[in-house]
Amino acid sequence: MEITPIATYHCPVGGKFGLPRQSGIARGLEGRIVFTPEYRNRDALRGLEGFSRIWLIWEFSLSKKEDGTFHPTVRPPRLGGNERIGVFATRSPFMPNNLGLSCVKIEGIDPDDAEGPVIIVSGGDLMDGTPIYDIKPYIPYADSFPDAEEGFTSREWATLEVEFPEDLKGPFTPSDIETVSALLGQDPRPHYHCDPERTYALTYKGYDILFRVDGKVCRVQGVKKIR
């Protein structure tokens, strides 16, 4: 079976580093689903306004394996990044077909956008430019299983305290600061990194947000415009 993208996802996060590790974690992170020209048809979205959430099937476009071989185990961040577990017991980007699945909230549908119709969503874990292959409505009675067991993902995940100096907030709105703080609070570093002197960069709205982590505190060190 050959599949081709029906849309492209656009959001402020310009790379895979710093993205939420699951959809719904950074609820304030908004994105736009822009259809390719052949699928820009209002009729294709008729009835979608009655749903609050959708499933996105998409491609891990930056996670293709160079050697093309199947690797049966991966090292999920939830286990610290050093313990291996079966790839099909994870949501790793290094899957045989590089497909991702995310549930996002519909914030609005703009049928008159210049690139429209466009779906505005929140809570995505996709980076800017991600190809989308399919969209399906989220149906609570069929898709929700509150009593389901969650395996190793039930381990507690501590968030970081984020310090964002006022003099570095200039390029961003209060909403941006809230979203960036939520992303940094999830600790985007590989979990086996623990050097408090190491500087990392989160790409957001064309800026590199430089930060360090010392213990449970994430401190923003600088903000640089990307050329």
N, C-alpha and C. Protein backbone atom coordinates (compact mmCIF):
# COMPACT_ATOMS: atom_id res chain seq x y z
N MET A 1 0.84 -1.19 0.00
CA MET A 1 0.00 0.00 0.00
C MET A 1 0.88 1.24 0.00
N GLU A 2 0.60 2.16 -0.87
CA GLU A 2 1.29 3.44 -0.90
C GLU A 2 0.38 4.51 -0.30
N ILE A 3 0.94 5.31 0.58
CA ILE A 3 0.16 6.40 1.17
C ILE A 3 0.89 7.72 0.95
N THR A 4 0.12 8.77 0.81
CA THR A 4 0.68 10.10 0.61
C THR A 4 0.04 11.06 1.61
N PRO A 5 0.75 12.10 2.01
CA PRO A 5 0.19 13.05 2.98
C PRO A 5 -1.06 13.74 2.45
N ILE A 6 -2.02 13.96 3.34
CA ILE A 6 -3.21 14.73 2.99
C ILE A 6 -3.10 16.16 3.53
N ALA A 7 -2.16 16.36 4.48
CA ALA A 7 -2.03 17.69 5.10
C ALA A 7 -0.66 17.81 5.73
N THR A 8 -0.35 19.03 6.16
CA THR A 8 0.89 19.31 6.89
C THR A 8 0.52 20.00 8.19
N TYR A 9 1.22 19.62 9.25
CA TYR A 9 0.98 20.21 10.56
C TYR A 9 1.95 21.36 10.79
N HIS A 10 1.43 22.49 11.26
CA HIS A 10 2.27 23.65 11.54
C HIS A 10 2.08 24.09 12.99
N CYS A 11 3.22 24.33 13.67
CA CYS A 11 3.16 24.79 15.05
C CYS A 11 4.43 25.57 15.37
N PRO A 12 4.53 26.20 16.55
CA PRO A 12 5.71 27.02 16.86
C PRO A 12 6.99 26.24 17.09
N VAL A 13 6.91 24.94 17.40
CA VAL A 13 8.10 24.16 17.73
C VAL A 13 8.75 23.66 16.44
N GLY A 14 9.96 24.13 16.18
CA GLY A 14 10.60 23.87 14.90
C GLY A 14 11.47 22.64 14.80
N GLY A 15 11.53 21.82 15.84
CA GLY A 15 12.32 20.59 15.80
C GLY A 15 11.75 19.58 16.76
N LYS A 16 12.24 18.35 16.69
CA LYS A 16 11.66 17.32 17.56
C LYS A 16 12.12 17.46 19.02
N PHE A 17 13.28 18.11 19.25
CA PHE A 17 13.73 18.31 20.63
C PHE A 17 12.80 19.31 21.32
N GLY A 18 12.29 18.94 22.48
CA GLY A 18 11.42 19.82 23.24
C GLY A 18 9.95 19.57 23.04
N LEU A 19 9.59 18.74 22.05
CA LEU A 19 8.18 18.41 21.86
C LEU A 19 7.65 17.62 23.05
N PRO A 20 6.36 17.77 23.37
CA PRO A 20 5.78 16.90 24.39
C PRO A 20 5.96 15.44 23.99
N ARG A 21 6.19 14.57 24.97
CA ARG A 21 6.42 13.17 24.65
C ARG A 21 5.13 12.42 24.38
N GLN A 22 3.99 13.05 24.68
CA GLN A 22 2.69 12.49 24.35
C GLN A 22 1.76 13.65 24.01
N SER A 23 0.75 13.38 23.21
CA SER A 23 -0.24 14.42 22.93
C SER A 23 -1.06 14.70 24.20
N GLY A 24 -1.50 15.94 24.33
CA GLY A 24 -2.33 16.33 25.47
C GLY A 24 -1.56 16.82 26.67
N ILE A 25 -0.23 16.65 26.69
CA ILE A 25 0.56 17.08 27.85
C ILE A 25 0.68 18.60 27.89
N ALA A 26 1.06 19.20 26.77
CA ALA A 26 1.15 20.67 26.68
C ALA A 26 -0.13 21.17 26.01
N ARG A 27 -1.15 21.35 26.79
CA ARG A 27 -2.48 21.66 26.24
C ARG A 27 -2.54 23.02 25.57
N GLY A 28 -1.64 23.93 25.94
CA GLY A 28 -1.67 25.25 25.35
C GLY A 28 -0.94 25.36 24.03
N LEU A 29 -0.26 24.30 23.62
CA LEU A 29 0.50 24.34 22.36
C LEU A 29 -0.46 24.16 21.18
N GLU A 30 -0.63 25.22 20.41
CA GLU A 30 -1.57 25.17 19.29
C GLU A 30 -0.86 24.85 17.98
N GLY A 31 -1.62 24.28 17.07
CA GLY A 31 -1.11 23.95 15.75
C GLY A 31 -2.20 24.11 14.70
N ARG A 32 -1.77 24.12 13.45
CA ARG A 32 -2.71 24.26 12.33
C ARG A 32 -2.52 23.09 11.38
N ILE A 33 -3.63 22.51 10.97
CA ILE A 33 -3.61 21.43 9.99
C ILE A 33 -3.99 22.03 8.65
N VAL A 34 -3.00 22.10 7.76
CA VAL A 34 -3.20 22.70 6.44
C VAL A 34 -3.20 21.59 5.39
N PHE A 35 -4.29 21.45 4.69
CA PHE A 35 -4.43 20.36 3.72
C PHE A 35 -3.63 20.65 2.45
N THR A 36 -3.20 19.59 1.81
CA THR A 36 -2.58 19.73 0.50
C THR A 36 -3.67 20.15 -0.48
N PRO A 37 -3.31 20.81 -1.60
CA PRO A 37 -4.32 21.39 -2.51
C PRO A 37 -5.44 20.44 -2.92
N GLU A 38 -5.11 19.17 -3.19
CA GLU A 38 -6.16 18.27 -3.68
C GLU A 38 -7.18 17.90 -2.62
N TYR A 39 -6.87 18.19 -1.33
CA TYR A 39 -7.81 17.85 -0.25
C TYR A 39 -8.41 19.08 0.41
N ARG A 40 -8.22 20.24 -0.19
CA ARG A 40 -8.79 21.47 0.36
C ARG A 40 -10.24 21.62 -0.09
N ASN A 41 -11.07 20.84 0.53
CA ASN A 41 -12.48 20.78 0.16
C ASN A 41 -13.33 20.86 1.42
N ARG A 42 -14.19 21.85 1.52
CA ARG A 42 -15.01 22.02 2.71
C ARG A 42 -15.89 20.82 2.99
N ASP A 43 -16.34 20.17 1.95
CA ASP A 43 -17.23 19.03 2.14
C ASP A 43 -16.55 17.90 2.90
N ALA A 44 -15.23 17.80 2.79
CA ALA A 44 -14.50 16.73 3.48
C ALA A 44 -14.54 16.91 4.99
N LEU A 45 -14.83 18.13 5.47
CA LEU A 45 -14.88 18.41 6.90
C LEU A 45 -16.32 18.56 7.40
N ARG A 46 -17.28 18.33 6.56
CA ARG A 46 -18.68 18.49 6.96
C ARG A 46 -19.01 17.53 8.12
N GLY A 47 -19.50 18.08 9.22
CA GLY A 47 -19.85 17.28 10.40
C GLY A 47 -18.75 17.26 11.45
N LEU A 48 -17.54 17.64 11.09
CA LEU A 48 -16.44 17.60 12.05
C LEU A 48 -16.61 18.62 13.16
N GLU A 49 -17.40 19.67 12.90
CA GLU A 49 -17.62 20.70 13.91
C GLU A 49 -18.35 20.15 15.14
N GLY A 50 -18.96 18.99 15.01
CA GLY A 50 -19.66 18.39 16.14
C GLY A 50 -18.76 17.59 17.07
N PHE A 51 -17.50 17.45 16.73
CA PHE A 51 -16.55 16.71 17.56
C PHE A 51 -15.60 17.67 18.24
N SER A 52 -15.11 17.30 19.41
CA SER A 52 -14.16 18.15 20.13
C SER A 52 -12.72 17.70 19.96
N ARG A 53 -12.52 16.43 19.56
CA ARG A 53 -11.17 15.91 19.40
C ARG A 53 -11.08 15.04 18.15
N ILE A 54 -9.84 14.94 17.64
CA ILE A 54 -9.58 14.09 16.48
C ILE A 54 -8.30 13.30 16.69
N TRP A 55 -8.22 12.18 16.00
CA TRP A 55 -6.99 11.40 15.93
C TRP A 55 -6.22 11.83 14.67
N LEU A 56 -4.92 11.98 14.81
CA LEU A 56 -4.05 12.26 13.66
C LEU A 56 -3.12 11.07 13.45
N ILE A 57 -3.04 10.60 12.22
CA ILE A 57 -2.06 9.59 11.84
C ILE A 57 -1.01 10.30 11.00
N TRP A 58 0.24 10.24 11.43
CA TRP A 58 1.26 11.09 10.83
C TRP A 58 2.60 10.37 10.75
N GLU A 59 3.59 11.06 10.20
CA GLU A 59 4.90 10.45 9.99
C GLU A 59 5.97 11.06 10.88
N PHE A 60 6.77 10.19 11.51
CA PHE A 60 7.98 10.65 12.20
C PHE A 60 9.01 10.95 11.12
N SER A 61 8.89 12.11 10.52
CA SER A 61 9.67 12.42 9.31
C SER A 61 11.16 12.60 9.55
N LEU A 62 11.58 12.82 10.81
CA LEU A 62 13.01 12.99 11.11
C LEU A 62 13.59 11.79 11.84
N SER A 63 12.86 10.69 11.86
CA SER A 63 13.32 9.54 12.63
C SER A 63 13.53 8.30 11.78
N LYS A 64 13.86 8.48 10.53
CA LYS A 64 14.09 7.34 9.66
C LYS A 64 15.43 6.70 9.99
N LYS A 65 15.44 5.39 10.08
CA LYS A 65 16.65 4.64 10.42
C LYS A 65 17.59 4.62 9.22
N GLU A 66 18.83 5.02 9.45
CA GLU A 66 19.80 5.11 8.36
C GLU A 66 20.10 3.75 7.74
N ASP A 67 20.16 2.69 8.57
CA ASP A 67 20.51 1.39 8.02
C ASP A 67 19.30 0.63 7.49
N GLY A 68 18.09 1.14 7.75
CA GLY A 68 16.88 0.52 7.22
C GLY A 68 16.50 -0.80 7.86
N THR A 69 17.19 -1.20 8.93
CA THR A 69 16.90 -2.47 9.56
C THR A 69 15.91 -2.31 10.70
N PHE A 70 15.27 -3.41 11.08
CA PHE A 70 14.31 -3.42 12.16
C PHE A 70 15.03 -3.61 13.49
N HIS A 71 14.78 -2.71 14.44
CA HIS A 71 15.38 -2.82 15.76
C HIS A 71 14.26 -3.16 16.75
N PRO A 72 14.30 -4.35 17.34
CA PRO A 72 13.19 -4.82 18.17
C PRO A 72 13.08 -4.15 19.53
N THR A 73 14.13 -3.47 19.99
CA THR A 73 14.07 -2.80 21.29
C THR A 73 14.50 -1.35 21.16
N VAL A 74 13.98 -0.53 22.07
CA VAL A 74 14.32 0.89 22.13
C VAL A 74 14.52 1.27 23.60
N ARG A 75 14.98 2.52 23.83
CA ARG A 75 15.21 2.99 25.20
C ARG A 75 14.27 4.16 25.48
N PRO A 76 13.09 3.89 26.01
CA PRO A 76 12.12 4.97 26.23
C PRO A 76 12.56 5.93 27.33
N PRO A 77 12.31 7.24 27.15
CA PRO A 77 12.67 8.25 28.16
C PRO A 77 12.01 7.98 29.51
N ARG A 78 10.83 7.39 29.47
CA ARG A 78 10.10 7.13 30.71
C ARG A 78 10.88 6.23 31.66
N LEU A 79 11.78 5.42 31.10
CA LEU A 79 12.60 4.52 31.91
C LEU A 79 14.02 5.05 32.08
N GLY A 80 14.20 6.34 31.83
CA GLY A 80 15.49 6.96 32.05
C GLY A 80 16.40 7.00 30.85
N GLY A 81 16.00 6.38 29.74
CA GLY A 81 16.79 6.44 28.52
C GLY A 81 17.90 5.42 28.44
N ASN A 82 18.01 4.52 29.42
CA ASN A 82 19.07 3.51 29.39
C ASN A 82 18.53 2.09 29.36
N GLU A 83 17.33 1.88 29.86
CA GLU A 83 16.74 0.54 29.90
C GLU A 83 16.01 0.24 28.59
N ARG A 84 16.28 -0.92 28.02
CA ARG A 84 15.66 -1.29 26.76
C ARG A 84 14.35 -2.05 26.98
N ILE A 85 13.43 -1.85 26.04
CA ILE A 85 12.14 -2.53 26.09
C ILE A 85 11.66 -2.74 24.66
N GLY A 86 10.75 -3.67 24.45
CA GLY A 86 10.27 -3.97 23.11
C GLY A 86 9.64 -2.78 22.42
N VAL A 87 9.98 -2.57 21.16
CA VAL A 87 9.52 -1.38 20.43
C VAL A 87 7.99 -1.31 20.38
N PHE A 88 7.31 -2.47 20.32
CA PHE A 88 5.86 -2.45 20.23
C PHE A 88 5.18 -2.23 21.58
N ALA A 89 5.98 -2.11 22.64
CA ALA A 89 5.45 -1.76 23.95
C ALA A 89 5.67 -0.27 24.23
N THR A 90 6.06 0.48 23.19
CA THR A 90 6.36 1.91 23.35
C THR A 90 5.68 2.72 22.24
N ARG A 91 5.83 4.02 22.35
CA ARG A 91 5.40 4.92 21.29
C ARG A 91 6.63 5.59 20.68
N SER A 92 7.66 4.83 20.57
CA SER A 92 8.92 5.32 20.01
C SER A 92 8.75 5.84 18.59
N PRO A 93 9.51 6.87 18.21
CA PRO A 93 9.48 7.33 16.82
C PRO A 93 10.17 6.36 15.87
N PHE A 94 10.92 5.40 16.41
CA PHE A 94 11.65 4.47 15.55
C PHE A 94 10.85 3.19 15.34
N MET A 95 9.69 3.33 14.71
CA MET A 95 8.82 2.21 14.41
C MET A 95 9.11 1.71 12.99
N PRO A 96 8.71 0.48 12.67
CA PRO A 96 9.00 -0.05 11.33
C PRO A 96 8.50 0.83 10.20
N ASN A 97 7.32 1.45 10.38
CA ASN A 97 6.77 2.30 9.32
C ASN A 97 6.75 3.78 9.66
N ASN A 98 7.39 4.15 10.77
CA ASN A 98 7.55 5.57 11.15
C ASN A 98 6.22 6.31 11.27
N LEU A 99 5.16 5.61 11.66
CA LEU A 99 3.86 6.26 11.80
C LEU A 99 3.59 6.61 13.26
N GLY A 100 3.02 7.80 13.47
CA GLY A 100 2.64 8.25 14.80
C GLY A 100 1.13 8.39 14.90
N LEU A 101 0.63 8.37 16.13
CA LEU A 101 -0.80 8.50 16.39
C LEU A 101 -0.98 9.47 17.54
N SER A 102 -1.77 10.52 17.33
CA SER A 102 -1.98 11.53 18.36
C SER A 102 -3.43 11.94 18.43
N CYS A 103 -3.88 12.23 19.64
CA CYS A 103 -5.23 12.75 19.84
C CYS A 103 -5.09 14.23 20.21
N VAL A 104 -5.73 15.10 19.45
CA VAL A 104 -5.63 16.54 19.69
C VAL A 104 -7.03 17.15 19.82
N LYS A 105 -7.09 18.29 20.47
CA LYS A 105 -8.36 19.00 20.66
C LYS A 105 -8.60 19.99 19.53
N ILE A 106 -9.80 20.00 19.01
CA ILE A 106 -10.16 20.98 17.97
C ILE A 106 -10.48 22.31 18.63
N GLU A 107 -9.73 23.34 18.28
CA GLU A 107 -9.99 24.68 18.79
C GLU A 107 -10.84 25.49 17.82
N GLY A 108 -10.86 25.07 16.58
CA GLY A 108 -11.67 25.78 15.60
C GLY A 108 -11.41 25.26 14.20
N ILE A 109 -12.34 25.53 13.32
CA ILE A 109 -12.19 25.19 11.90
C ILE A 109 -12.44 26.46 11.10
N ASP A 110 -11.44 26.86 10.32
CA ASP A 110 -11.55 28.08 9.53
C ASP A 110 -11.74 27.70 8.06
N PRO A 111 -12.98 27.74 7.57
CA PRO A 111 -13.23 27.36 6.17
C PRO A 111 -12.79 28.41 5.17
N ASP A 112 -12.53 29.65 5.65
CA ASP A 112 -12.22 30.75 4.74
C ASP A 112 -10.75 31.14 4.77
N ASP A 113 -9.91 30.37 5.46
CA ASP A 113 -8.48 30.67 5.48
C ASP A 113 -7.92 30.61 4.06
N ALA A 114 -6.89 31.41 3.82
CA ALA A 114 -6.28 31.42 2.48
C ALA A 114 -5.76 30.06 2.08
N GLU A 115 -5.38 29.23 3.08
CA GLU A 115 -4.93 27.87 2.81
C GLU A 115 -6.01 26.85 3.17
N GLY A 116 -7.22 27.36 3.33
CA GLY A 116 -8.30 26.58 3.91
C GLY A 116 -8.93 25.56 3.00
N PRO A 117 -9.83 24.81 3.72
CA PRO A 117 -10.16 24.93 5.14
C PRO A 117 -9.02 24.44 6.02
N VAL A 118 -8.86 25.12 7.18
CA VAL A 118 -7.77 24.80 8.11
C VAL A 118 -8.38 24.41 9.45
N ILE A 119 -7.80 23.37 10.08
CA ILE A 119 -8.24 22.96 11.40
C ILE A 119 -7.22 23.46 12.42
N ILE A 120 -7.69 24.21 13.42
CA ILE A 120 -6.83 24.69 14.48
C ILE A 120 -6.99 23.75 15.67
N VAL A 121 -5.88 23.22 16.17
CA VAL A 121 -5.94 22.23 17.25
C VAL A 121 -4.99 22.62 18.37
N SER A 122 -5.10 21.95 19.51
CA SER A 122 -4.17 22.15 20.62
C SER A 122 -3.79 20.81 21.23
N GLY A 123 -2.66 20.82 21.94
CA GLY A 123 -2.22 19.61 22.63
C GLY A 123 -1.47 18.63 21.76
N GLY A 124 -0.98 19.05 20.62
CA GLY A 124 -0.27 18.15 19.73
C GLY A 124 1.15 17.86 20.19
N ASP A 125 1.69 16.74 19.74
CA ASP A 125 3.09 16.39 20.02
C ASP A 125 3.86 16.23 18.71
N LEU A 126 3.44 16.98 17.70
CA LEU A 126 4.06 16.96 16.37
C LEU A 126 4.85 18.24 16.17
N MET A 127 5.95 18.15 15.44
CA MET A 127 6.73 19.35 15.17
C MET A 127 6.22 20.04 13.90
N ASP A 128 6.67 21.26 13.72
CA ASP A 128 6.30 22.03 12.54
C ASP A 128 6.73 21.30 11.27
N GLY A 129 5.82 21.19 10.29
CA GLY A 129 6.14 20.56 9.02
C GLY A 129 5.86 19.07 8.95
N THR A 130 5.26 18.51 9.99
CA THR A 130 4.99 17.08 10.02
C THR A 130 3.92 16.68 8.99
N PRO A 131 4.18 15.65 8.18
CA PRO A 131 3.17 15.17 7.23
C PRO A 131 2.06 14.40 7.95
N ILE A 132 0.82 14.68 7.60
CA ILE A 132 -0.33 13.98 8.17
C ILE A 132 -0.96 13.11 7.09
N TYR A 133 -1.23 11.85 7.45
CA TYR A 133 -1.75 10.90 6.47
C TYR A 133 -3.25 10.63 6.62
N ASP A 134 -3.79 10.84 7.80
CA ASP A 134 -5.22 10.61 7.96
C ASP A 134 -5.72 11.32 9.21
N ILE A 135 -7.02 11.60 9.22
CA ILE A 135 -7.68 12.26 10.34
C ILE A 135 -8.97 11.50 10.62
N LYS A 136 -9.21 11.20 11.90
CA LYS A 136 -10.43 10.50 12.29
C LYS A 136 -10.98 11.13 13.56
N PRO A 137 -12.30 11.20 13.71
CA PRO A 137 -12.86 11.78 14.94
C PRO A 137 -12.62 10.90 16.15
N TYR A 138 -12.39 11.53 17.29
CA TYR A 138 -12.29 10.82 18.57
C TYR A 138 -13.71 10.59 19.08
N ILE A 139 -14.03 9.32 19.38
CA ILE A 139 -15.37 8.95 19.83
C ILE A 139 -15.26 8.40 21.24
N PRO A 140 -15.71 9.14 22.26
CA PRO A 140 -15.49 8.75 23.66
C PRO A 140 -15.98 7.35 24.01
N TYR A 141 -17.17 6.96 23.56
CA TYR A 141 -17.71 5.67 24.00
C TYR A 141 -16.89 4.49 23.46
N ALA A 142 -16.20 4.70 22.36
CA ALA A 142 -15.41 3.62 21.76
C ALA A 142 -13.91 3.77 22.02
N ASP A 143 -13.45 4.99 22.19
CA ASP A 143 -12.01 5.25 22.27
C ASP A 143 -11.47 5.41 23.69
N SER A 144 -12.36 5.55 24.69
CA SER A 144 -11.92 5.81 26.05
C SER A 144 -12.06 4.56 26.92
N PHE A 145 -10.96 4.18 27.58
CA PHE A 145 -10.95 3.02 28.47
C PHE A 145 -10.26 3.42 29.78
N PRO A 146 -10.96 4.12 30.68
CA PRO A 146 -10.34 4.65 31.90
C PRO A 146 -9.71 3.59 32.79
N ASP A 147 -10.18 2.35 32.72
CA ASP A 147 -9.65 1.32 33.60
C ASP A 147 -8.52 0.51 32.96
N ALA A 148 -8.02 0.95 31.80
CA ALA A 148 -6.96 0.22 31.10
C ALA A 148 -5.65 0.28 31.89
N GLU A 149 -4.89 -0.82 31.86
CA GLU A 149 -3.58 -0.84 32.51
C GLU A 149 -2.54 -0.19 31.59
N GLU A 150 -1.56 0.48 32.18
CA GLU A 150 -0.62 1.26 31.38
C GLU A 150 0.83 0.82 31.51
N GLY A 151 1.08 -0.37 32.01
CA GLY A 151 2.44 -0.90 32.00
C GLY A 151 3.46 0.02 32.65
N PHE A 152 4.65 0.09 32.04
CA PHE A 152 5.74 0.87 32.63
C PHE A 152 5.48 2.37 32.63
N THR A 153 4.49 2.83 31.84
CA THR A 153 4.23 4.28 31.78
C THR A 153 3.53 4.79 33.03
N SER A 154 3.14 3.89 33.93
CA SER A 154 2.49 4.32 35.16
C SER A 154 3.48 4.91 36.16
N ARG A 155 4.78 4.78 35.87
CA ARG A 155 5.77 5.36 36.78
C ARG A 155 5.61 6.87 36.85
N GLU A 156 5.80 7.40 38.04
CA GLU A 156 5.61 8.83 38.26
C GLU A 156 6.61 9.64 37.45
N TRP A 157 6.14 10.72 36.85
CA TRP A 157 6.96 11.60 36.02
C TRP A 157 6.98 12.98 36.65
N ALA A 158 8.10 13.34 37.29
CA ALA A 158 8.20 14.63 37.98
C ALA A 158 8.48 15.74 36.97
N THR A 159 7.83 16.87 37.13
CA THR A 159 8.06 18.01 36.26
C THR A 159 9.08 18.97 36.91
N LEU A 160 9.64 19.82 36.07
CA LEU A 160 10.64 20.78 36.53
C LEU A 160 10.00 22.12 36.87
N GLU A 161 10.63 22.83 37.79
CA GLU A 161 10.27 24.22 38.04
C GLU A 161 11.02 25.06 37.01
N VAL A 162 10.29 25.92 36.29
CA VAL A 162 10.91 26.70 35.21
C VAL A 162 11.09 28.15 35.63
N GLU A 163 12.31 28.65 35.49
CA GLU A 163 12.61 30.06 35.76
C GLU A 163 12.91 30.75 34.43
N PHE A 164 12.04 31.70 34.08
CA PHE A 164 12.16 32.41 32.81
C PHE A 164 12.31 33.90 33.15
N PRO A 165 13.53 34.43 33.14
CA PRO A 165 13.76 35.83 33.52
C PRO A 165 12.92 36.80 32.68
N GLU A 166 12.44 37.84 33.33
CA GLU A 166 11.59 38.82 32.67
C GLU A 166 12.28 39.49 31.49
N ASP A 167 13.59 39.73 31.61
CA ASP A 167 14.29 40.44 30.54
C ASP A 167 14.51 39.59 29.30
N LEU A 168 14.16 38.31 29.35
CA LEU A 168 14.29 37.44 28.19
C LEU A 168 12.96 37.12 27.53
N LYS A 169 11.88 37.62 28.08
CA LYS A 169 10.55 37.29 27.58
C LYS A 169 10.10 38.17 26.43
N GLY A 170 10.91 39.17 26.07
CA GLY A 170 10.52 40.17 25.09
C GLY A 170 9.84 39.69 23.83
N PRO A 171 10.38 38.68 23.13
CA PRO A 171 9.79 38.29 21.84
C PRO A 171 8.46 37.54 21.96
N PHE A 172 8.04 37.20 23.20
CA PHE A 172 6.91 36.29 23.35
C PHE A 172 5.73 36.91 24.08
N THR A 173 4.55 36.41 23.78
CA THR A 173 3.34 36.81 24.48
C THR A 173 3.23 36.02 25.78
N PRO A 174 2.37 36.46 26.71
CA PRO A 174 2.16 35.67 27.93
C PRO A 174 1.72 34.23 27.64
N SER A 175 0.94 34.05 26.58
CA SER A 175 0.52 32.71 26.20
C SER A 175 1.71 31.87 25.75
N ASP A 176 2.63 32.51 25.00
CA ASP A 176 3.85 31.82 24.57
C ASP A 176 4.67 31.37 25.78
N ILE A 177 4.82 32.28 26.75
CA ILE A 177 5.61 31.97 27.94
C ILE A 177 5.00 30.78 28.68
N GLU A 178 3.69 30.76 28.76
CA GLU A 178 3.01 29.66 29.44
C GLU A 178 3.26 28.34 28.71
N THR A 179 3.18 28.38 27.38
CA THR A 179 3.40 27.17 26.59
C THR A 179 4.84 26.70 26.67
N VAL A 180 5.78 27.62 26.52
CA VAL A 180 7.21 27.27 26.60
C VAL A 180 7.53 26.69 27.98
N SER A 181 6.98 27.29 29.03
CA SER A 181 7.22 26.80 30.38
C SER A 181 6.68 25.38 30.55
N ALA A 182 5.55 25.10 29.92
CA ALA A 182 4.99 23.74 30.00
C ALA A 182 5.89 22.75 29.28
N LEU A 183 6.45 23.17 28.14
CA LEU A 183 7.34 22.28 27.38
C LEU A 183 8.63 22.02 28.16
N LEU A 184 9.22 23.08 28.71
CA LEU A 184 10.45 22.92 29.47
C LEU A 184 10.22 22.15 30.76
N GLY A 185 9.04 22.34 31.35
CA GLY A 185 8.72 21.66 32.59
C GLY A 185 8.68 20.15 32.46
N GLN A 186 8.47 19.66 31.23
CA GLN A 186 8.45 18.22 30.99
C GLN A 186 9.85 17.64 30.87
N ASP A 187 10.88 18.50 30.95
CA ASP A 187 12.28 18.11 30.85
C ASP A 187 12.58 17.40 29.54
N PRO A 188 12.82 18.16 28.47
CA PRO A 188 13.05 17.55 27.15
C PRO A 188 14.40 16.88 26.98
N ARG A 189 15.28 16.99 27.94
CA ARG A 189 16.60 16.36 27.83
C ARG A 189 16.49 14.84 27.82
N PRO A 190 17.46 14.16 27.22
CA PRO A 190 17.57 12.71 27.44
C PRO A 190 17.74 12.49 28.95
N HIS A 191 17.05 11.53 29.50
CA HIS A 191 17.01 11.40 30.96
C HIS A 191 18.30 10.91 31.58
N TYR A 192 19.28 10.52 30.75
CA TYR A 192 20.57 10.14 31.31
C TYR A 192 21.54 11.32 31.28
N HIS A 193 21.07 12.50 30.85
CA HIS A 193 21.88 13.71 30.92
C HIS A 193 21.63 14.39 32.26
N CYS A 194 22.68 14.71 32.98
CA CYS A 194 22.50 15.34 34.29
C CYS A 194 23.56 16.40 34.58
N ASP A 195 24.18 16.94 33.53
CA ASP A 195 25.22 17.95 33.70
C ASP A 195 24.57 19.33 33.83
N PRO A 196 24.62 19.97 35.00
CA PRO A 196 23.97 21.27 35.19
C PRO A 196 24.62 22.40 34.40
N GLU A 197 25.83 22.15 33.85
CA GLU A 197 26.52 23.18 33.08
C GLU A 197 26.25 23.07 31.58
N ARG A 198 25.52 22.04 31.17
CA ARG A 198 25.26 21.83 29.76
C ARG A 198 24.06 22.67 29.32
N THR A 199 24.19 23.35 28.20
CA THR A 199 23.13 24.22 27.69
C THR A 199 22.40 23.53 26.54
N TYR A 200 21.09 23.60 26.58
CA TYR A 200 20.24 23.00 25.54
C TYR A 200 19.44 24.11 24.86
N ALA A 201 18.85 23.79 23.71
CA ALA A 201 18.08 24.80 22.98
C ALA A 201 16.75 24.22 22.51
N LEU A 202 15.69 24.92 22.84
CA LEU A 202 14.35 24.59 22.36
C LEU A 202 13.99 25.61 21.28
N THR A 203 13.65 25.14 20.09
CA THR A 203 13.30 26.03 18.99
C THR A 203 11.81 26.33 19.03
N TYR A 204 11.48 27.62 19.15
CA TYR A 204 10.08 28.03 19.28
C TYR A 204 9.86 29.35 18.56
N LYS A 205 8.96 29.37 17.60
CA LYS A 205 8.61 30.57 16.83
C LYS A 205 9.84 31.29 16.26
N GLY A 206 10.77 30.52 15.76
CA GLY A 206 11.93 31.12 15.12
C GLY A 206 13.02 31.57 16.07
N TYR A 207 12.92 31.18 17.34
CA TYR A 207 13.93 31.53 18.33
C TYR A 207 14.47 30.25 18.97
N ASP A 208 15.75 30.28 19.34
CA ASP A 208 16.32 29.24 20.18
C ASP A 208 16.25 29.72 21.62
N ILE A 209 15.53 28.96 22.43
CA ILE A 209 15.44 29.28 23.85
C ILE A 209 16.47 28.42 24.57
N LEU A 210 17.52 29.04 25.08
CA LEU A 210 18.63 28.33 25.70
C LEU A 210 18.34 28.12 27.18
N PHE A 211 18.59 26.91 27.66
CA PHE A 211 18.28 26.61 29.05
C PHE A 211 19.25 25.58 29.63
N ARG A 212 19.32 25.56 30.96
CA ARG A 212 20.06 24.56 31.70
C ARG A 212 19.16 23.97 32.78
N VAL A 213 19.49 22.78 33.20
CA VAL A 213 18.71 22.12 34.25
C VAL A 213 19.66 21.75 35.39
N ASP A 214 19.31 22.21 36.58
CA ASP A 214 20.07 21.88 37.78
C ASP A 214 19.10 21.26 38.78
N GLY A 215 19.21 19.96 38.97
CA GLY A 215 18.28 19.27 39.85
C GLY A 215 16.88 19.29 39.26
N LYS A 216 15.95 19.89 39.98
CA LYS A 216 14.56 19.97 39.53
C LYS A 216 14.19 21.36 39.01
N VAL A 217 15.21 22.17 38.73
CA VAL A 217 14.96 23.54 38.26
C VAL A 217 15.52 23.73 36.86
N CYS A 218 14.69 24.24 35.97
CA CYS A 218 15.11 24.58 34.61
C CYS A 218 15.21 26.10 34.50
N ARG A 219 16.38 26.58 34.14
CA ARG A 219 16.60 28.03 34.06
C ARG A 219 16.87 28.44 32.62
N VAL A 220 16.08 29.36 32.11
CA VAL A 220 16.31 29.91 30.77
C VAL A 220 17.51 30.83 30.82
N GLN A 221 18.48 30.58 29.94
CA GLN A 221 19.74 31.33 29.93
C GLN A 221 19.77 32.44 28.88
N GLY A 222 19.01 32.26 27.82
CA GLY A 222 19.04 33.24 26.76
C GLY A 222 18.03 32.91 25.67
N VAL A 223 17.77 33.89 24.82
CA VAL A 223 16.85 33.73 23.69
C VAL A 223 17.52 34.33 22.47
N LYS A 224 17.70 33.50 21.43
CA LYS A 224 18.40 33.96 20.23
C LYS A 224 17.53 33.77 18.98
N LYS A 225 17.44 34.80 18.19
CA LYS A 225 16.72 34.72 16.92
C LYS A 225 17.48 33.82 15.97
N ILE A 226 16.75 32.91 15.32
CA ILE A 226 17.37 32.03 14.33
C ILE A 226 17.42 32.75 13.00
N ARG A 227 18.57 32.76 12.37
CA ARG A 227 18.72 33.49 11.11
C ARG A 227 18.02 32.74 9.98
